[in-house]
Amino acid sequence: VQNNAQDYLILFNQGAVPAKIVLNSKGQI
């Protein structure tokens, strides 16, 4: 997983998936 501006990019050997994620105060998604 690499940083992609304010979001993230999940890397695979055949491609990639841009992703956004938010955690609560307990670290839960």
Full PDB file with SEQRES, HELIX, SHEET, SSBOND, CRYST1, ORIGX, SCALE, CONECT and MASTER records, all heavy atoms in Angstrom:
SEQRES   1 A   29  VAL GLN ASN ASN ALA GLN ASP TYR LEU ILE LEU PHE ASN          
SEQRES   2 A   29  GLN GLY ALA VAL PRO ALA LYS ILE VAL LEU ASN SER LYS          
SEQRES   3 A   29  GLY GLN ILE                                                  
SHEET    1 AA1 3 GLN A   2  ASN A   4  0                                        
SHEET    2 AA1 3 ASP A   7  PHE A  12 -1                                        
SHEET    3 AA1 3 GLY A  15  ALA A  19 -1                                        
CRYST1    1.000    1.000    1.000  90.00  90.00  90.00 P 1           1          
ORIGX1      1.000000  0.000000  0.000000        0.00000                         
ORIGX2      0.000000  1.000000  0.000000        0.00000                         
ORIGX3      0.000000  0.000000  1.000000        0.00000                         
SCALE1      1.000000  0.000000  0.000000        0.00000                         
SCALE2      0.000000  1.000000  0.000000        0.00000                         
SCALE3      0.000000  0.000000  1.000000        0.00000                         
ATOM      1  N   VAL A   1       0.870  -1.179   0.000  1.00  0.00           N  
ATOM      2  CA  VAL A   1       0.000   0.000   0.000  1.00  0.00           C  
ATOM      3  C   VAL A   1       0.902   1.224   0.000  1.00  0.00           C  
ATOM      4  O   VAL A   1       1.814   1.330   0.829  1.00  0.00           O  
ATOM      5  CB  VAL A   1      -0.916   0.028   1.239  1.00  0.00           C  
ATOM      6  CG1 VAL A   1      -1.686   1.358   1.300  1.00  0.00           C  
ATOM      7  CG2 VAL A   1      -1.904  -1.134   1.214  1.00  0.00           C  
ATOM      8  N   GLN A   2       0.658   2.125  -0.948  1.00  0.00           N  
ATOM      9  CA  GLN A   2       1.464   3.342  -0.975  1.00  0.00           C  
ATOM     10  C   GLN A   2       0.559   4.566  -0.904  1.00  0.00           C  
ATOM     11  O   GLN A   2      -0.607   4.523  -1.288  1.00  0.00           O  
ATOM     12  CB  GLN A   2       2.334   3.402  -2.232  1.00  0.00           C  
ATOM     13  CG  GLN A   2       1.580   3.672  -3.522  1.00  0.00           C  
ATOM     14  CD  GLN A   2       2.517   3.807  -4.724  1.00  0.00           C  
ATOM     15  OE1 GLN A   2       3.578   3.193  -4.759  1.00  0.00           O  
ATOM     16  NE2 GLN A   2       2.121   4.603  -5.692  1.00  0.00           N  
ATOM     17  N   ASN A   3       1.092   5.648  -0.377  1.00  0.00           N  
ATOM     18  CA  ASN A   3       0.332   6.890  -0.298  1.00  0.00           C  
ATOM     19  C   ASN A   3       0.087   7.433  -1.701  1.00  0.00           C  
ATOM     20  O   ASN A   3       0.935   7.338  -2.578  1.00  0.00           O  
ATOM     21  CB  ASN A   3       1.094   7.920   0.519  1.00  0.00           C  
ATOM     22  CG  ASN A   3       1.148   7.536   1.991  1.00  0.00           C  
ATOM     23  OD1 ASN A   3       2.002   6.739   2.381  1.00  0.00           O  
ATOM     24  ND2 ASN A   3       0.257   8.072   2.786  1.00  0.00           N  
ATOM     25  N   ASN A   4      -1.127   7.985  -1.898  1.00  0.00           N  
ATOM     26  CA  ASN A   4      -1.518   8.520  -3.199  1.00  0.00           C  
ATOM     27  C   ASN A   4      -2.247   9.832  -2.936  1.00  0.00           C  
ATOM     28  O   ASN A   4      -3.457   9.855  -2.752  1.00  0.00           O  
ATOM     29  CB  ASN A   4      -2.419   7.527  -3.926  1.00  0.00           C  
ATOM     30  CG  ASN A   4      -2.785   7.979  -5.311  1.00  0.00           C  
ATOM     31  OD1 ASN A   4      -2.030   8.686  -5.953  1.00  0.00           O  
ATOM     32  ND2 ASN A   4      -3.959   7.572  -5.776  1.00  0.00           N  
ATOM     33  N   ALA A   5      -1.478  10.941  -2.872  1.00  0.00           N  
ATOM     34  CA  ALA A   5      -2.008  12.239  -2.449  1.00  0.00           C  
ATOM     35  C   ALA A   5      -2.573  12.069  -1.036  1.00  0.00           C  
ATOM     36  O   ALA A   5      -1.861  11.643  -0.144  1.00  0.00           O  
ATOM     37  CB  ALA A   5      -3.058  12.731  -3.425  1.00  0.00           C  
ATOM     38  N   GLN A   6      -3.864  12.361  -0.838  1.00  0.00           N  
ATOM     39  CA  GLN A   6      -4.458  12.213   0.490  1.00  0.00           C  
ATOM     40  C   GLN A   6      -5.025  10.814   0.702  1.00  0.00           C  
ATOM     41  O   GLN A   6      -5.491  10.492   1.791  1.00  0.00           O  
ATOM     42  CB  GLN A   6      -5.567  13.249   0.687  1.00  0.00           C  
ATOM     43  CG  GLN A   6      -5.065  14.685   0.668  1.00  0.00           C  
ATOM     44  CD  GLN A   6      -6.193  15.682   0.850  1.00  0.00           C  
ATOM     45  OE1 GLN A   6      -7.358  15.384   0.614  1.00  0.00           O  
ATOM     46  NE2 GLN A   6      -5.841  16.889   1.266  1.00  0.00           N  
ATOM     47  N   ASP A   7      -4.957   9.984  -0.317  1.00  0.00           N  
ATOM     48  CA  ASP A   7      -5.528   8.654  -0.233  1.00  0.00           C  
ATOM     49  C   ASP A   7      -4.432   7.605  -0.398  1.00  0.00           C  
ATOM     50  O   ASP A   7      -3.266   7.876  -0.105  1.00  0.00           O  
ATOM     51  CB  ASP A   7      -6.618   8.501  -1.298  1.00  0.00           C  
ATOM     52  CG  ASP A   7      -7.718   9.539  -1.138  1.00  0.00           C  
ATOM     53  OD1 ASP A   7      -8.152   9.754   0.004  1.00  0.00           O  
ATOM     54  OD2 ASP A   7      -8.133  10.129  -2.154  1.00  0.00           O  
ATOM     55  N   TYR A   8      -4.818   6.402  -0.881  1.00  0.00           N  
ATOM     56  CA  TYR A   8      -3.860   5.306  -0.954  1.00  0.00           C  
ATOM     57  C   TYR A   8      -4.013   4.554  -2.271  1.00  0.00           C  
ATOM     58  O   TYR A   8      -5.068   4.591  -2.915  1.00  0.00           O  
ATOM     59  CB  TYR A   8      -4.051   4.348   0.234  1.00  0.00           C  
ATOM     60  CG  TYR A   8      -3.873   5.034   1.559  1.00  0.00           C  
ATOM     61  CD1 TYR A   8      -4.974   5.578   2.230  1.00  0.00           C  
ATOM     62  CD2 TYR A   8      -2.607   5.177   2.129  1.00  0.00           C  
ATOM     63  CE1 TYR A   8      -4.815   6.237   3.433  1.00  0.00           C  
ATOM     64  CE2 TYR A   8      -2.437   5.837   3.338  1.00  0.00           C  
ATOM     65  CZ  TYR A   8      -3.541   6.368   3.991  1.00  0.00           C  
ATOM     66  OH  TYR A   8      -3.377   7.028   5.181  1.00  0.00           O  
ATOM     67  N   LEU A   9      -2.961   3.846  -2.631  1.00  0.00           N  
ATOM     68  CA  LEU A   9      -2.961   3.008  -3.819  1.00  0.00           C  
ATOM     69  C   LEU A   9      -2.502   1.616  -3.401  1.00  0.00           C  
ATOM     70  O   LEU A   9      -1.401   1.453  -2.865  1.00  0.00           O  
ATOM     71  CB  LEU A   9      -2.021   3.578  -4.874  1.00  0.00           C  
ATOM     72  CG  LEU A   9      -2.150   3.013  -6.296  1.00  0.00           C  
ATOM     73  CD1 LEU A   9      -3.516   3.340  -6.882  1.00  0.00           C  
ATOM     74  CD2 LEU A   9      -1.059   3.587  -7.186  1.00  0.00           C  
ATOM     75  N   ILE A  10      -3.370   0.615  -3.620  1.00  0.00           N  
ATOM     76  CA  ILE A  10      -3.035  -0.760  -3.267  1.00  0.00           C  
ATOM     77  C   ILE A  10      -2.422  -1.423  -4.495  1.00  0.00           C  
ATOM     78  O   ILE A  10      -3.061  -1.495  -5.545  1.00  0.00           O  
ATOM     79  CB  ILE A  10      -4.286  -1.536  -2.801  1.00  0.00           C  
ATOM     80  CG1 ILE A  10      -4.982  -0.776  -1.675  1.00  0.00           C  
ATOM     81  CG2 ILE A  10      -3.912  -2.943  -2.335  1.00  0.00           C  
ATOM     82  CD1 ILE A  10      -6.373  -1.273  -1.364  1.00  0.00           C  
ATOM     83  N   LEU A  11      -1.199  -1.872  -4.376  1.00  0.00           N  
ATOM     84  CA  LEU A  11      -0.455  -2.397  -5.507  1.00  0.00           C  
ATOM     85  C   LEU A  11      -0.490  -3.918  -5.555  1.00  0.00           C  
ATOM     86  O   LEU A  11      -0.307  -4.591  -4.529  1.00  0.00           O  
ATOM     87  CB  LEU A  11       1.002  -1.926  -5.432  1.00  0.00           C  
ATOM     88  CG  LEU A  11       1.233  -0.415  -5.353  1.00  0.00           C  
ATOM     89  CD1 LEU A  11       2.720  -0.121  -5.233  1.00  0.00           C  
ATOM     90  CD2 LEU A  11       0.640   0.279  -6.561  1.00  0.00           C  
ATOM     91  N   PHE A  12      -0.726  -4.447  -6.756  1.00  0.00           N  
ATOM     92  CA  PHE A  12      -0.682  -5.883  -7.022  1.00  0.00           C  
ATOM     93  C   PHE A  12       0.279  -6.098  -8.190  1.00  0.00           C  
ATOM     94  O   PHE A  12       0.640  -5.151  -8.889  1.00  0.00           O  
ATOM     95  CB  PHE A  12      -2.074  -6.408  -7.389  1.00  0.00           C  
ATOM     96  CG  PHE A  12      -3.112  -6.192  -6.332  1.00  0.00           C  
ATOM     97  CD1 PHE A  12      -3.805  -4.983  -6.256  1.00  0.00           C  
ATOM     98  CD2 PHE A  12      -3.416  -7.186  -5.415  1.00  0.00           C  
ATOM     99  CE1 PHE A  12      -4.766  -4.776  -5.284  1.00  0.00           C  
ATOM    100  CE2 PHE A  12      -4.377  -6.979  -4.435  1.00  0.00           C  
ATOM    101  CZ  PHE A  12      -5.054  -5.774  -4.367  1.00  0.00           C  
ATOM    102  N   ASN A  13       0.659  -7.350  -8.429  1.00  0.00           N  
ATOM    103  CA  ASN A  13       1.619  -7.559  -9.515  1.00  0.00           C  
ATOM    104  C   ASN A  13       0.992  -7.398 -10.891  1.00  0.00           C  
ATOM    105  O   ASN A  13       1.714  -7.302 -11.887  1.00  0.00           O  
ATOM    106  CB  ASN A  13       2.313  -8.920  -9.388  1.00  0.00           C  
ATOM    107  CG  ASN A  13       1.348 -10.090  -9.508  1.00  0.00           C  
ATOM    108  OD1 ASN A  13       0.145  -9.894  -9.638  1.00  0.00           O  
ATOM    109  ND2 ASN A  13       1.878 -11.297  -9.456  1.00  0.00           N  
ATOM    110  N   GLN A  14      -0.352  -7.340 -10.980  1.00  0.00           N  
ATOM    111  CA  GLN A  14      -0.996  -7.135 -12.272  1.00  0.00           C  
ATOM    112  C   GLN A  14      -1.806  -5.844 -12.344  1.00  0.00           C  
ATOM    113  O   GLN A  14      -2.505  -5.596 -13.313  1.00  0.00           O  
ATOM    114  CB  GLN A  14      -1.905  -8.326 -12.603  1.00  0.00           C  
ATOM    115  CG  GLN A  14      -1.170  -9.645 -12.769  1.00  0.00           C  
ATOM    116  CD  GLN A  14      -2.126 -10.801 -13.020  1.00  0.00           C  
ATOM    117  OE1 GLN A  14      -3.184 -10.632 -13.623  1.00  0.00           O  
ATOM    118  NE2 GLN A  14      -1.759 -11.981 -12.555  1.00  0.00           N  
ATOM    119  N   GLY A  15      -1.729  -5.017 -11.308  1.00  0.00           N  
ATOM    120  CA  GLY A  15      -2.482  -3.776 -11.351  1.00  0.00           C  
ATOM    121  C   GLY A  15      -2.501  -3.071 -10.008  1.00  0.00           C  
ATOM    122  O   GLY A  15      -1.714  -3.372  -9.110  1.00  0.00           O  
ATOM    123  N   ALA A  16      -3.422  -2.118  -9.866  1.00  0.00           N  
ATOM    124  CA  ALA A  16      -3.511  -1.322  -8.643  1.00  0.00           C  
ATOM    125  C   ALA A  16      -4.953  -0.895  -8.414  1.00  0.00           C  
ATOM    126  O   ALA A  16      -5.759  -0.827  -9.349  1.00  0.00           O  
ATOM    127  CB  ALA A  16      -2.606  -0.101  -8.739  1.00  0.00           C  
ATOM    128  N   VAL A  17      -5.283  -0.592  -7.147  1.00  0.00           N  
ATOM    129  CA  VAL A  17      -6.620  -0.149  -6.770  1.00  0.00           C  
ATOM    130  C   VAL A  17      -6.507   1.095  -5.896  1.00  0.00           C  
ATOM    131  O   VAL A  17      -5.963   1.025  -4.786  1.00  0.00           O  
ATOM    132  CB  VAL A  17      -7.391  -1.247  -6.000  1.00  0.00           C  
ATOM    133  CG1 VAL A  17      -8.757  -0.726  -5.571  1.00  0.00           C  
ATOM    134  CG2 VAL A  17      -7.548  -2.494  -6.835  1.00  0.00           C  
ATOM    135  N   PRO A  18      -6.989   2.256  -6.361  1.00  0.00           N  
ATOM    136  CA  PRO A  18      -7.042   3.438  -5.488  1.00  0.00           C  
ATOM    137  C   PRO A  18      -8.040   3.186  -4.352  1.00  0.00           C  
ATOM    138  O   PRO A  18      -9.093   2.571  -4.561  1.00  0.00           O  
ATOM    139  CB  PRO A  18      -7.545   4.547  -6.421  1.00  0.00           C  
ATOM    140  CG  PRO A  18      -7.284   4.034  -7.805  1.00  0.00           C  
ATOM    141  CD  PRO A  18      -7.447   2.550  -7.724  1.00  0.00           C  
ATOM    142  N   ALA A  19      -7.707   3.657  -3.159  1.00  0.00           N  
ATOM    143  CA  ALA A  19      -8.568   3.374  -2.007  1.00  0.00           C  
ATOM    144  C   ALA A  19      -8.642   4.573  -1.077  1.00  0.00           C  
ATOM    145  O   ALA A  19      -7.708   5.379  -0.990  1.00  0.00           O  
ATOM    146  CB  ALA A  19      -8.047   2.156  -1.254  1.00  0.00           C  
ATOM    147  N   LYS A  20      -9.760   4.659  -0.377  1.00  0.00           N  
ATOM    148  CA  LYS A  20      -9.944   5.643   0.684  1.00  0.00           C  
ATOM    149  C   LYS A  20     -10.354   4.879   1.941  1.00  0.00           C  
ATOM    150  O   LYS A  20     -11.074   3.879   1.857  1.00  0.00           O  
ATOM    151  CB  LYS A  20     -11.051   6.643   0.323  1.00  0.00           C  
ATOM    152  CG  LYS A  20     -10.788   7.477  -0.926  1.00  0.00           C  
ATOM    153  CD  LYS A  20     -11.999   8.351  -1.252  1.00  0.00           C  
ATOM    154  CE  LYS A  20     -11.808   9.113  -2.554  1.00  0.00           C  
ATOM    155  NZ  LYS A  20     -10.836  10.212  -2.405  1.00  0.00           N  
ATOM    156  N   ILE A  21      -9.920   5.355   3.089  1.00  0.00           N  
ATOM    157  CA  ILE A  21     -10.259   4.678   4.338  1.00  0.00           C  
ATOM    158  C   ILE A  21     -10.382   5.702   5.454  1.00  0.00           C  
ATOM    159  O   ILE A  21      -9.671   6.708   5.470  1.00  0.00           O  
ATOM    160  CB  ILE A  21      -9.203   3.597   4.692  1.00  0.00           C  
ATOM    161  CG1 ILE A  21      -9.647   2.785   5.917  1.00  0.00           C  
ATOM    162  CG2 ILE A  21      -7.829   4.218   4.896  1.00  0.00           C  
ATOM    163  CD1 ILE A  21      -8.794   1.557   6.173  1.00  0.00           C  
ATOM    164  N   VAL A  22     -11.306   5.459   6.380  1.00  0.00           N  
ATOM    165  CA  VAL A  22     -11.492   6.301   7.549  1.00  0.00           C  
ATOM    166  C   VAL A  22     -11.555   5.403   8.775  1.00  0.00           C  
ATOM    167  O   VAL A  22     -12.233   4.366   8.763  1.00  0.00           O  
ATOM    168  CB  VAL A  22     -12.796   7.131   7.444  1.00  0.00           C  
ATOM    169  CG1 VAL A  22     -13.024   7.917   8.731  1.00  0.00           C  
ATOM    170  CG2 VAL A  22     -12.734   8.076   6.261  1.00  0.00           C  
ATOM    171  N   LEU A  23     -10.842   5.776   9.820  1.00  0.00           N  
ATOM    172  CA  LEU A  23     -10.852   5.041  11.077  1.00  0.00           C  
ATOM    173  C   LEU A  23     -11.537   5.859  12.163  1.00  0.00           C  
ATOM    174  O   LEU A  23     -11.465   7.094  12.153  1.00  0.00           O  
ATOM    175  CB  LEU A  23      -9.423   4.712  11.522  1.00  0.00           C  
ATOM    176  CG  LEU A  23      -8.522   3.956  10.536  1.00  0.00           C  
ATOM    177  CD1 LEU A  23      -7.175   3.684  11.171  1.00  0.00           C  
ATOM    178  CD2 LEU A  23      -9.172   2.671  10.054  1.00  0.00           C  
ATOM    179  N   ASN A  24     -12.184   5.171  13.099  1.00  0.00           N  
ATOM    180  CA  ASN A  24     -12.758   5.877  14.244  1.00  0.00           C  
ATOM    181  C   ASN A  24     -11.720   6.002  15.355  1.00  0.00           C  
ATOM    182  O   ASN A  24     -10.551   5.630  15.175  1.00  0.00           O  
ATOM    183  CB  ASN A  24     -14.043   5.195  14.718  1.00  0.00           C  
ATOM    184  CG  ASN A  24     -13.796   3.786  15.261  1.00  0.00           C  
ATOM    185  OD1 ASN A  24     -12.657   3.390  15.540  1.00  0.00           O  
ATOM    186  ND2 ASN A  24     -14.864   3.027  15.405  1.00  0.00           N  
ATOM    187  N   SER A  25     -12.121   6.501  16.498  1.00  0.00           N  
ATOM    188  CA  SER A  25     -11.180   6.749  17.596  1.00  0.00           C  
ATOM    189  C   SER A  25     -10.564   5.475  18.146  1.00  0.00           C  
ATOM    190  O   SER A  25      -9.526   5.511  18.812  1.00  0.00           O  
ATOM    191  CB  SER A  25     -11.882   7.512  18.724  1.00  0.00           C  
ATOM    192  OG  SER A  25     -12.995   6.767  19.202  1.00  0.00           O  
ATOM    193  N   LYS A  26     -11.192   4.328  17.866  1.00  0.00           N  
ATOM    194  CA  LYS A  26     -10.667   3.040  18.335  1.00  0.00           C  
ATOM    195  C   LYS A  26      -9.772   2.373  17.294  1.00  0.00           C  
ATOM    196  O   LYS A  26      -9.314   1.248  17.497  1.00  0.00           O  
ATOM    197  CB  LYS A  26     -11.832   2.106  18.681  1.00  0.00           C  
ATOM    198  CG  LYS A  26     -12.730   2.616  19.800  1.00  0.00           C  
ATOM    199  CD  LYS A  26     -13.884   1.646  20.041  1.00  0.00           C  
ATOM    200  CE  LYS A  26     -14.814   2.168  21.125  1.00  0.00           C  
ATOM    201  NZ  LYS A  26     -15.969   1.225  21.348  1.00  0.00           N  
ATOM    202  N   GLY A  27      -9.563   3.054  16.165  1.00  0.00           N  
ATOM    203  CA  GLY A  27      -8.765   2.453  15.116  1.00  0.00           C  
ATOM    204  C   GLY A  27      -9.537   1.474  14.265  1.00  0.00           C  
ATOM    205  O   GLY A  27      -8.958   0.703  13.494  1.00  0.00           O  
ATOM    206  N   GLN A  28     -10.865   1.502  14.379  1.00  0.00           N  
ATOM    207  CA  GLN A  28     -11.710   0.609  13.574  1.00  0.00           C  
ATOM    208  C   GLN A  28     -12.103   1.305  12.267  1.00  0.00           C  
ATOM    209  O   GLN A  28     -12.252   2.534  12.221  1.00  0.00           O  
ATOM    210  CB  GLN A  28     -12.975   0.229  14.350  1.00  0.00           C  
ATOM    211  CG  GLN A  28     -12.713  -0.577  15.606  1.00  0.00           C  
ATOM    212  CD  GLN A  28     -13.993  -0.770  16.404  1.00  0.00           C  
ATOM    213  OE1 GLN A  28     -14.749   0.191  16.647  1.00  0.00           O  
ATOM    214  NE2 GLN A  28     -14.245  -2.003  16.806  1.00  0.00           N  
ATOM    215  N   ILE A  29     -12.305   0.511  11.231  1.00  0.00           N  
ATOM    216  CA  ILE A  29     -12.691   1.057   9.934  1.00  0.00           C  
ATOM    217  C   ILE A  29     -14.150   1.488   9.975  1.00  0.00           C  
ATOM    218  O   ILE A  29     -15.046   0.673  10.216  1.00  0.00           O  
ATOM    219  CB  ILE A  29     -12.468   0.019   8.826  1.00  0.00           C  
ATOM    220  CG1 ILE A  29     -10.981  -0.322   8.719  1.00  0.00           C  
ATOM    221  CG2 ILE A  29     -12.987   0.539   7.482  1.00  0.00           C  
ATOM    222  CD1 ILE A  29     -10.672  -1.482   7.783  1.00  0.00           C  
TER     223      ILE A  29                                                      
MASTER        0    0    0    0    3    0    0    6  222    1    0    3          
END                                                                             
